[in-house]
Amino acid sequence: MSVSDQAIARAIVDRVHERGPDATCCPSEIARDIASEQGGCDWRELMPRVRQAAVDLAHRQRIEIRQRGEQVDPDNFSGPIRLGLPRV
């Protein structure tokens, strides 16, 4: 799969901006979209890279990682997450 880390990060940022300040998206949505654009490869293979890109973006305060609607520490979470714009 030839998608770059930068392309994954851009897809995340684009998606959370599309959703707006009051909504979030699931990282699997990003992985599925990218996989579809790459000719239908298995989106599950992209999940670790999407989650890592989300962590990197959260460190730079470009997005928030949330669980149950609350922001979580990007270095200390497990389980299902949602991605959203930083709350002001």
Foldseek 3Di string as FASTA:
>chain_A
DPDDLVNLLVLLLVVQVVVDAPDWAWLLVSLQVVCVVVPNDDSVVCSVSNLVSLLVCVVVQQKFKDDPRDGDNSVDDDDTIIIHHDDD
